[in-house]
Protein backbone atom coordinates (compact mmCIF):
# COMPACT_ATOMS: atom_id res chain seq x y z
CA MET A 1 0.00 0.00 0.00
CA ASN A 2 1.29 3.44 -0.94
CA ILE A 3 1.14 6.26 1.62
CA SER A 4 2.00 9.92 1.08
CA VAL A 5 3.69 11.82 3.92
CA VAL A 6 4.40 15.56 4.13
CA SER A 7 6.59 17.55 6.51
CA TRP A 8 6.01 21.31 6.76
CA ASN A 9 6.90 24.09 9.19
CA ILE A 10 3.76 26.25 8.96
CA LEU A 11 5.11 29.36 10.76
CA LYS A 12 2.49 29.30 13.53
CA GLY A 13 -0.30 29.24 10.94
CA GLU A 14 -0.09 33.02 10.58
CA ARG A 15 -1.18 32.77 6.94
CA TYR A 16 -3.90 30.30 7.73
CA ASP A 17 -5.87 30.40 4.47
CA GLU A 18 -2.73 29.79 2.40
CA ILE A 19 -1.65 26.96 4.71
CA LEU A 20 -5.07 25.31 4.45
CA GLN A 21 -5.06 25.61 0.66
CA GLY A 22 -1.52 24.23 0.53
CA LEU A 23 -2.48 21.20 2.59
CA LYS A 24 -5.49 20.55 0.37
CA GLU A 25 -3.30 20.65 -2.73
CA LEU A 26 -0.65 18.42 -1.15
CA ASN A 27 -3.41 15.89 -0.39
CA ALA A 28 -1.18 13.68 1.78
CA ASP A 29 -2.28 10.82 3.98
CA VAL A 30 -0.10 12.05 6.85
CA PHE A 31 1.13 15.56 7.66
CA GLY A 32 3.92 16.28 10.13
CA LEU A 33 3.50 19.97 10.96
CA GLN A 34 5.94 22.07 12.97
CA GLU A 35 5.35 25.46 14.61
CA VAL A 36 1.67 24.77 15.18
CA ALA A 37 0.24 27.57 17.32
CA VAL A 38 -2.64 27.65 19.75
CA TRP A 39 -3.42 31.37 19.63
CA LYS A 40 -4.91 33.12 22.64
CA ASP A 41 -7.09 35.30 20.40
CA ASN A 42 -9.81 34.52 17.87
CA ARG A 43 -7.37 32.60 15.65
CA GLY A 44 -7.58 29.75 18.15
CA ASN A 45 -6.01 26.31 17.80
CA VAL A 46 -4.47 26.13 14.31
CA GLY A 47 -3.93 22.36 14.34
CA GLU A 48 -7.46 21.68 15.51
CA LYS A 49 -8.97 23.96 12.88
CA LEU A 50 -6.91 22.41 10.08
CA ALA A 51 -7.83 18.88 11.16
CA GLN A 52 -11.52 19.74 11.29
CA GLU A 53 -11.56 21.41 7.88
CA LEU A 54 -9.58 18.59 6.26
CA GLY A 55 -11.37 15.76 8.07
CA TYR A 56 -8.15 14.36 9.58
CA HIS A 57 -7.26 12.99 12.99
CA LEU A 58 -5.10 15.36 15.06
CA TYR A 59 -2.23 14.44 17.39
CA PHE A 60 -0.64 17.50 19.01
CA CYS A 61 2.16 18.01 21.52
CA PRO A 62 2.69 21.49 23.00
CA ALA A 63 6.34 22.45 23.50
CA LEU A 64 6.44 26.14 24.49
CA PRO A 65 3.51 27.54 26.52
CA SER A 66 2.57 31.20 26.27
CA GLN A 67 2.95 31.63 30.03
CA GLN A 68 6.64 30.86 29.65
CA SER A 69 7.43 32.66 26.40
CA GLY A 70 5.27 35.77 26.95
CA ARG A 71 3.95 35.33 23.40
CA PRO A 72 0.24 35.25 22.52
CA TYR A 73 0.27 31.54 21.66
CA ASP A 74 1.33 28.07 22.76
CA LEU A 75 3.63 26.39 20.23
CA GLY A 76 4.11 22.74 19.38
CA ASN A 77 4.22 19.97 16.80
CA ALA A 78 1.31 18.10 15.27
CA ILE A 79 0.57 15.03 13.18
CA LEU A 80 -2.56 15.10 11.01
CA SER A 81 -3.53 11.70 9.66
CA ARG A 82 -6.26 10.18 7.53
CA PHE A 83 -5.67 7.01 9.56
CA GLU A 84 -6.71 6.78 13.16
CA CYS A 85 -3.50 6.35 15.13
CA LYS A 86 -2.75 4.87 18.53
CA ASN A 87 -0.28 5.25 21.36
CA GLN A 88 0.42 8.97 21.02
CA VAL A 89 3.53 9.97 22.97
CA CYS A 90 5.02 13.42 23.57
CA HIS A 91 8.78 13.07 23.91
CA GLN A 92 10.44 16.02 25.64
CA LEU A 93 13.84 16.68 24.04
CA SER A 94 14.95 19.50 26.34
CA PRO A 95 13.52 20.70 29.67
CA ALA A 96 11.57 23.93 29.97
CA ASP A 97 13.81 25.30 32.72
CA LEU A 98 16.66 25.78 30.21
CA TYR A 99 14.62 28.33 28.24
CA GLY A 100 16.43 31.67 27.97
CA ASP A 101 13.82 33.69 26.09
CA ASP A 102 15.23 32.99 22.61
CA TRP A 103 14.70 30.42 19.89
CA THR A 104 18.05 28.69 20.53
CA THR A 105 16.91 27.60 24.00
CA GLU A 106 13.22 26.92 23.38
CA PRO A 107 11.98 23.64 24.87
CA ARG A 108 11.56 21.15 22.02
CA ASN A 109 9.72 17.87 21.65
CA ALA A 110 8.77 15.11 19.26
CA VAL A 111 5.26 13.76 18.78
CA GLU A 112 5.03 10.03 18.03
CA VAL A 113 2.05 7.94 16.95
CA GLY A 114 1.51 4.35 15.94
CA MET A 115 -0.16 4.12 12.55
CA ASN A 116 -1.72 0.95 11.19
CA SER A 117 -1.80 0.70 7.41
CA ASN A 118 -2.55 -2.43 5.44
CA GLU A 119 -2.32 -4.37 8.73
CA THR A 120 1.23 -3.06 9.20
CA ASP A 121 2.14 -0.99 12.26
CA VAL A 122 4.39 1.99 11.49
CA ARG A 123 5.83 4.54 13.91
CA VAL A 124 5.59 8.16 12.79
CA ILE A 125 7.71 10.75 14.63
CA ASN A 126 7.51 14.49 13.97
CA THR A 127 9.95 16.96 15.51
CA HIS A 128 11.38 20.48 15.42
CA VAL A 129 14.85 20.80 16.91
CA TYR A 130 17.52 23.48 17.18
CA TYR A 131 20.89 23.40 15.45
CA PRO A 132 23.43 26.28 15.26
CA ARG A 133 23.30 26.71 11.49
CA TYR A 134 26.08 29.30 11.34
CA GLY A 135 28.70 27.47 13.36
CA GLY A 136 29.51 27.24 17.02
CA LYS A 137 28.37 24.70 19.55
CA SER A 138 25.16 24.33 21.50
CA GLU A 139 24.74 21.94 24.42
CA ILE A 140 20.96 22.25 24.07
CA SER A 141 21.12 21.28 20.40
CA GLU A 142 23.28 18.28 21.27
CA MET A 143 20.68 17.34 23.89
CA HIS A 144 17.90 17.57 21.28
CA PHE A 145 19.64 15.23 18.86
CA ARG A 146 20.87 12.85 21.57
CA ASN A 147 17.35 12.41 22.93
CA LEU A 148 15.94 12.15 19.41
CA ASP A 149 18.48 9.47 18.45
CA ALA A 150 17.32 7.41 21.43
CA LEU A 151 13.84 7.20 19.88
CA LEU A 152 14.94 5.83 16.53
CA SER A 153 14.45 2.28 15.33
CA TYR A 154 15.73 0.36 12.32
CA GLU A 155 12.26 -1.03 11.60
CA LYS A 156 8.93 0.46 10.44
CA THR A 157 9.78 4.04 11.38
CA ILE A 158 9.15 7.38 9.67
CA LEU A 159 10.87 10.50 11.04
CA VAL A 160 9.94 13.95 9.72
CA GLY A 161 10.64 17.48 10.81
CA ASP A 162 12.42 20.80 10.74
CA PHE A 163 15.93 19.97 11.94
CA ASN A 164 17.56 23.37 11.31
CA ALA A 165 20.50 21.37 9.95
CA THR A 166 21.58 20.41 6.44
CA MET A 167 22.37 16.90 5.28
CA SER A 168 26.12 17.56 5.56
CA THR A 169 26.01 18.10 9.34
CA GLU A 170 27.08 15.39 11.77
CA PRO A 171 23.70 15.03 13.58
CA ILE A 172 21.90 14.45 10.27
CA LYS A 173 24.59 12.03 9.07
CA LYS A 174 24.14 10.08 12.30
CA ILE A 175 20.36 9.83 11.84
CA ASN A 176 20.91 8.85 8.21
CA LYS A 177 22.87 5.76 9.30
CA ILE A 178 19.79 4.45 11.12
CA LEU A 179 17.02 5.90 8.96
CA PRO A 180 18.06 6.79 5.40
CA ASN A 181 17.00 10.22 4.14
CA VAL A 182 14.40 9.88 1.39
CA ASP A 183 16.00 12.72 -0.59
CA ARG A 184 18.67 10.95 -2.60
CA GLU A 185 19.67 13.94 -4.74
CA ASN A 186 19.77 16.77 -2.14
CA GLU A 187 19.53 19.44 -4.83
CA ASP A 188 16.54 21.50 -3.69
CA PHE A 189 16.22 23.96 -0.81
CA THR A 190 13.37 24.16 1.69
CA PHE A 191 14.17 27.43 3.47
CA ILE A 192 15.62 30.89 2.77
CA ASP A 193 17.14 32.69 5.75
CA ARG A 194 17.23 36.43 6.41
CA GLU A 195 20.47 36.75 4.44
CA GLN A 196 18.72 35.10 1.47
CA GLN A 197 20.81 31.97 1.86
CA LYS A 198 19.02 28.91 0.51
CA MET A 199 19.31 25.69 2.49
CA LYS A 200 17.63 22.34 3.00
CA ILE A 201 16.91 21.93 6.70
CA ASP A 202 13.61 20.01 6.49
CA HIS A 203 13.94 16.23 6.14
CA ILE A 204 12.08 12.94 5.99
CA PHE A 205 13.81 9.70 7.02
CA VAL A 206 12.41 6.17 6.74
CA SER A 207 13.70 2.79 7.86
CA LYS A 208 15.17 0.49 5.22
CA ASP A 209 12.14 -1.82 5.29
CA ILE A 210 10.01 0.97 3.82
CA ILE A 211 10.16 1.49 0.04
CA VAL A 212 10.49 5.07 -1.24
CA LYS A 213 8.46 5.59 -4.40
CA SER A 214 8.97 9.35 -4.93
CA PHE A 215 10.15 12.53 -3.20
CA GLU A 216 9.65 16.22 -3.94
CA VAL A 217 10.01 19.71 -2.51
CA VAL A 218 6.72 21.45 -3.25
CA GLU A 219 6.46 25.12 -4.25
CA THR A 220 3.62 26.62 -2.28
CA LYS A 221 2.72 29.68 -0.21
CA GLY A 222 1.94 30.12 3.46
CA SER A 223 5.28 29.84 5.25
CA ASP A 224 8.98 30.66 5.14
CA HIS A 225 9.55 26.90 4.69
CA LEU A 226 8.54 24.76 1.73
CA PRO A 227 6.77 21.46 2.36
CA ILE A 228 8.48 18.20 1.41
CA LYS A 229 6.51 15.16 0.29
CA VAL A 230 7.33 11.48 0.00
CA VAL A 231 5.30 8.56 -1.31
CA ILE A 232 6.26 5.29 0.34
CA LYS A 233 5.17 1.67 0.26
CA VAL A 234 4.68 -0.11 3.58
């Protein structure tokens, strides 16, 4: 059975109508969404609204509460799935007490669900971690990747997310040894930073027992990241 999976950082859903339209056009079976906001105003819970309008199941893990950040929203990661999933787990990758009021120290997590497709159980993990893209060292980033690595399995596992790291970095190379990156060519970018530097920091990894049928970076509006889409056979 073929399943389509998308990973997309939706920038808190600030451009909600464009995000919704983009998800409709992507038409995936499973969406791993990062930077999903629960706004404290009339914009409300972005993940919940998207799931309702698309008719998907929602699995959401908050990472940074508004009470801690002083921002008008809670922030987290979500999985939207056409399939009803089981055993949702929120994995904390760094503790909240390390937060220093900037994005490099934000508490991060990974949301995991068990998905049953064609009588095959598959783990889906969606995350958003920090990596010092412009050099230097970060103990918090190392903590994120160390705790994420501990979740990985060689069998029936899909890992998606915004890793803030390119495929040439050591943390991504390490993940790639366990779960191969579905992007074999690594030619397209998924993000443009403030200096207009193009980079690929969004990734999808799958275990070797999952067959990759196709992969693409999709041009669409709604965020400062582009969604990536893979079709797999499980």
